[in-house]
Amino acid sequence: MTADPAFTAGSPEPLFTDPLVAWDTALSYDVMPDGESFIVVRQLPGDQPARELRLVLDWFTELERLAPRRAGG
């Protein structure tokens, strides 16, 4: 890759070669704030893809219901 006098792209190279990286989602990796490393979602051998998503709305109320505060605490 060069940028002077104009940008010229080089040959594409894979970023990750780990076979356990979960490429089945668009958000399987992200660049860390340092700009030098990545955080990657990996699927362990034998894991099944998730088939449900649980969304809890107003979770402070749900937390209070499940674990009420003790008197005086």
N, C-alpha and C. Protein backbone atom coordinates (compact mmCIF):
# COMPACT_ATOMS: atom_id res chain seq x y z
N MET A 1 0.85 -1.17 0.00
CA MET A 1 0.00 0.00 0.00
C MET A 1 0.89 1.23 0.00
N THR A 2 0.52 2.20 -0.78
CA THR A 2 1.21 3.48 -0.79
C THR A 2 0.19 4.60 -0.74
N ALA A 3 0.60 5.75 -0.28
CA ALA A 3 -0.31 6.89 -0.19
C ALA A 3 0.26 8.12 -0.88
N ASP A 4 1.44 8.00 -1.49
CA ASP A 4 2.06 9.17 -2.09
C ASP A 4 2.52 8.85 -3.50
N PRO A 5 2.12 9.48 -4.51
CA PRO A 5 1.29 10.68 -4.55
C PRO A 5 -0.21 10.37 -4.47
N ALA A 6 -0.63 9.16 -4.72
CA ALA A 6 -2.05 8.81 -4.60
C ALA A 6 -2.14 7.43 -3.95
N PHE A 7 -3.27 7.17 -3.33
CA PHE A 7 -3.48 5.89 -2.67
C PHE A 7 -3.48 4.75 -3.68
N THR A 8 -2.73 3.70 -3.38
CA THR A 8 -2.72 2.48 -4.18
C THR A 8 -2.85 1.31 -3.23
N ALA A 9 -3.88 0.50 -3.43
CA ALA A 9 -4.11 -0.65 -2.55
C ALA A 9 -3.21 -1.81 -2.95
N GLY A 10 -2.79 -2.57 -1.96
CA GLY A 10 -2.02 -3.78 -2.21
C GLY A 10 -2.95 -4.97 -2.34
N SER A 11 -2.39 -6.16 -2.34
CA SER A 11 -3.19 -7.39 -2.42
C SER A 11 -3.91 -7.62 -1.10
N PRO A 12 -5.17 -8.05 -1.15
CA PRO A 12 -5.90 -8.31 0.09
C PRO A 12 -5.29 -9.49 0.85
N GLU A 13 -5.29 -9.40 2.16
CA GLU A 13 -4.81 -10.46 3.03
C GLU A 13 -5.83 -10.68 4.13
N PRO A 14 -6.06 -11.93 4.53
CA PRO A 14 -7.02 -12.17 5.60
C PRO A 14 -6.52 -11.58 6.92
N LEU A 15 -7.45 -10.99 7.68
CA LEU A 15 -7.10 -10.47 9.01
C LEU A 15 -6.95 -11.61 10.00
N PHE A 16 -7.87 -12.56 9.95
CA PHE A 16 -7.91 -13.64 10.92
C PHE A 16 -7.89 -14.98 10.19
N THR A 17 -7.12 -15.91 10.70
CA THR A 17 -7.09 -17.25 10.12
C THR A 17 -7.55 -18.30 11.12
N ASP A 18 -7.94 -17.88 12.31
CA ASP A 18 -8.42 -18.80 13.35
C ASP A 18 -9.74 -19.43 12.90
N PRO A 19 -9.81 -20.75 12.80
CA PRO A 19 -11.05 -21.38 12.35
C PRO A 19 -12.19 -21.25 13.36
N LEU A 20 -11.89 -20.82 14.58
CA LEU A 20 -12.94 -20.70 15.60
C LEU A 20 -13.56 -19.31 15.67
N VAL A 21 -13.11 -18.39 14.81
CA VAL A 21 -13.73 -17.07 14.77
C VAL A 21 -15.12 -17.21 14.19
N ALA A 22 -16.11 -16.64 14.88
CA ALA A 22 -17.51 -16.77 14.46
C ALA A 22 -17.82 -15.78 13.35
N TRP A 23 -17.66 -16.21 12.11
CA TRP A 23 -17.90 -15.33 10.97
C TRP A 23 -19.36 -15.28 10.57
N ASP A 24 -20.24 -15.95 11.32
CA ASP A 24 -21.65 -15.98 10.93
C ASP A 24 -22.40 -14.72 11.33
N THR A 25 -21.74 -13.79 12.01
CA THR A 25 -22.38 -12.53 12.36
C THR A 25 -21.52 -11.38 11.86
N ALA A 26 -22.17 -10.27 11.58
CA ALA A 26 -21.43 -9.11 11.09
C ALA A 26 -20.60 -8.46 12.20
N LEU A 27 -20.96 -8.71 13.45
CA LEU A 27 -20.28 -8.07 14.57
C LEU A 27 -19.39 -9.06 15.31
N SER A 28 -18.64 -9.88 14.58
CA SER A 28 -17.81 -10.89 15.24
C SER A 28 -16.47 -10.35 15.71
N TYR A 29 -16.12 -9.13 15.35
CA TYR A 29 -14.88 -8.54 15.85
C TYR A 29 -15.00 -7.03 15.90
N ASP A 30 -14.12 -6.40 16.67
CA ASP A 30 -14.07 -4.95 16.73
C ASP A 30 -12.63 -4.54 16.99
N VAL A 31 -12.29 -3.35 16.61
CA VAL A 31 -10.96 -2.80 16.86
C VAL A 31 -10.95 -2.21 18.27
N MET A 32 -9.92 -2.53 19.03
CA MET A 32 -9.78 -2.01 20.38
C MET A 32 -9.39 -0.53 20.31
N PRO A 33 -9.63 0.23 21.40
CA PRO A 33 -9.33 1.67 21.40
C PRO A 33 -7.87 2.00 21.08
N ASP A 34 -6.95 1.07 21.36
CA ASP A 34 -5.54 1.37 21.06
C ASP A 34 -5.25 1.34 19.56
N GLY A 35 -6.20 0.84 18.76
CA GLY A 35 -6.02 0.78 17.32
C GLY A 35 -5.03 -0.27 16.85
N GLU A 36 -4.49 -1.03 17.77
CA GLU A 36 -3.47 -2.03 17.45
C GLU A 36 -3.93 -3.46 17.64
N SER A 37 -5.07 -3.66 18.28
CA SER A 37 -5.52 -5.03 18.54
C SER A 37 -7.03 -5.13 18.32
N PHE A 38 -7.50 -6.37 18.30
CA PHE A 38 -8.90 -6.66 18.05
C PHE A 38 -9.47 -7.47 19.20
N ILE A 39 -10.79 -7.38 19.37
CA ILE A 39 -11.51 -8.30 20.23
C ILE A 39 -12.36 -9.14 19.29
N VAL A 40 -12.32 -10.45 19.47
CA VAL A 40 -12.93 -11.36 18.50
C VAL A 40 -13.86 -12.34 19.20
N VAL A 41 -15.04 -12.56 18.63
CA VAL A 41 -15.96 -13.58 19.12
C VAL A 41 -15.53 -14.92 18.55
N ARG A 42 -15.30 -15.89 19.43
CA ARG A 42 -14.89 -17.22 18.96
C ARG A 42 -15.96 -18.23 19.34
N GLN A 43 -16.18 -19.17 18.47
CA GLN A 43 -17.12 -20.26 18.74
C GLN A 43 -16.30 -21.49 19.09
N LEU A 44 -16.57 -22.04 20.28
CA LEU A 44 -15.83 -23.23 20.70
C LEU A 44 -16.31 -24.45 19.94
N PRO A 45 -15.43 -25.43 19.73
CA PRO A 45 -15.84 -26.65 19.02
C PRO A 45 -17.04 -27.29 19.72
N GLY A 46 -18.03 -27.67 18.96
CA GLY A 46 -19.22 -28.32 19.51
C GLY A 46 -20.30 -27.36 19.95
N ASP A 47 -20.00 -26.05 20.04
CA ASP A 47 -21.03 -25.07 20.42
C ASP A 47 -22.07 -24.97 19.32
N GLN A 48 -23.32 -24.83 19.73
CA GLN A 48 -24.40 -24.60 18.79
C GLN A 48 -24.66 -23.10 18.73
N PRO A 49 -25.04 -22.58 17.57
CA PRO A 49 -25.36 -21.16 17.48
C PRO A 49 -26.55 -20.83 18.39
N ALA A 50 -26.55 -19.63 18.96
CA ALA A 50 -27.65 -19.20 19.81
C ALA A 50 -28.93 -19.12 18.98
N ARG A 51 -30.03 -19.60 19.58
CA ARG A 51 -31.31 -19.57 18.88
C ARG A 51 -32.33 -18.67 19.54
N GLU A 52 -31.93 -18.03 20.62
CA GLU A 52 -32.86 -17.12 21.27
C GLU A 52 -32.10 -15.93 21.85
N LEU A 53 -32.81 -14.85 22.02
CA LEU A 53 -32.26 -13.64 22.60
C LEU A 53 -33.23 -13.21 23.69
N ARG A 54 -32.74 -12.99 24.89
CA ARG A 54 -33.60 -12.52 25.98
C ARG A 54 -33.33 -11.05 26.20
N LEU A 55 -34.38 -10.27 26.13
CA LEU A 55 -34.30 -8.84 26.31
C LEU A 55 -35.11 -8.48 27.55
N VAL A 56 -34.47 -7.87 28.52
CA VAL A 56 -35.16 -7.48 29.75
C VAL A 56 -35.29 -5.96 29.76
N LEU A 57 -36.52 -5.49 29.69
CA LEU A 57 -36.79 -4.06 29.77
C LEU A 57 -37.03 -3.69 31.22
N ASP A 58 -36.69 -2.48 31.58
CA ASP A 58 -36.90 -1.99 32.95
C ASP A 58 -36.26 -2.95 33.95
N TRP A 59 -35.00 -3.28 33.72
CA TRP A 59 -34.36 -4.33 34.50
C TRP A 59 -34.08 -3.96 35.93
N PHE A 60 -34.07 -2.67 36.29
CA PHE A 60 -33.93 -2.30 37.70
C PHE A 60 -35.14 -2.79 38.49
N THR A 61 -36.33 -2.65 37.92
CA THR A 61 -37.55 -3.14 38.57
C THR A 61 -37.50 -4.66 38.70
N GLU A 62 -37.05 -5.34 37.66
CA GLU A 62 -36.92 -6.79 37.70
C GLU A 62 -35.89 -7.22 38.74
N LEU A 63 -34.78 -6.51 38.85
CA LEU A 63 -33.78 -6.80 39.86
C LEU A 63 -34.34 -6.62 41.26
N GLU A 64 -35.07 -5.55 41.48
CA GLU A 64 -35.69 -5.31 42.80
C GLU A 64 -36.69 -6.41 43.14
N ARG A 65 -37.40 -6.89 42.16
CA ARG A 65 -38.37 -7.98 42.40
C ARG A 65 -37.65 -9.27 42.77
N LEU A 66 -36.57 -9.57 42.07
CA LEU A 66 -35.85 -10.81 42.30
C LEU A 66 -34.95 -10.76 43.54
N ALA A 67 -34.43 -9.58 43.85
CA ALA A 67 -33.52 -9.43 44.99
C ALA A 67 -33.86 -8.16 45.74
N PRO A 68 -34.96 -8.18 46.50
CA PRO A 68 -35.39 -6.96 47.19
C PRO A 68 -34.34 -6.50 48.21
N ARG A 69 -34.29 -5.20 48.42
CA ARG A 69 -33.37 -4.65 49.41
C ARG A 69 -33.81 -5.06 50.81
N ARG A 70 -32.84 -5.28 51.65
CA ARG A 70 -33.15 -5.60 53.05
C ARG A 70 -33.43 -4.31 53.80
N ALA A 71 -34.27 -4.40 54.80
CA ALA A 71 -34.57 -3.24 55.64
C ALA A 71 -33.28 -2.73 56.30
N GLY A 72 -33.08 -1.41 56.27
CA GLY A 72 -31.90 -0.82 56.87
C GLY A 72 -30.66 -0.91 56.02
N GLY A 73 -30.76 -1.44 54.79
CA GLY A 73 -29.58 -1.62 53.96
C GLY A 73 -29.66 -0.75 52.81
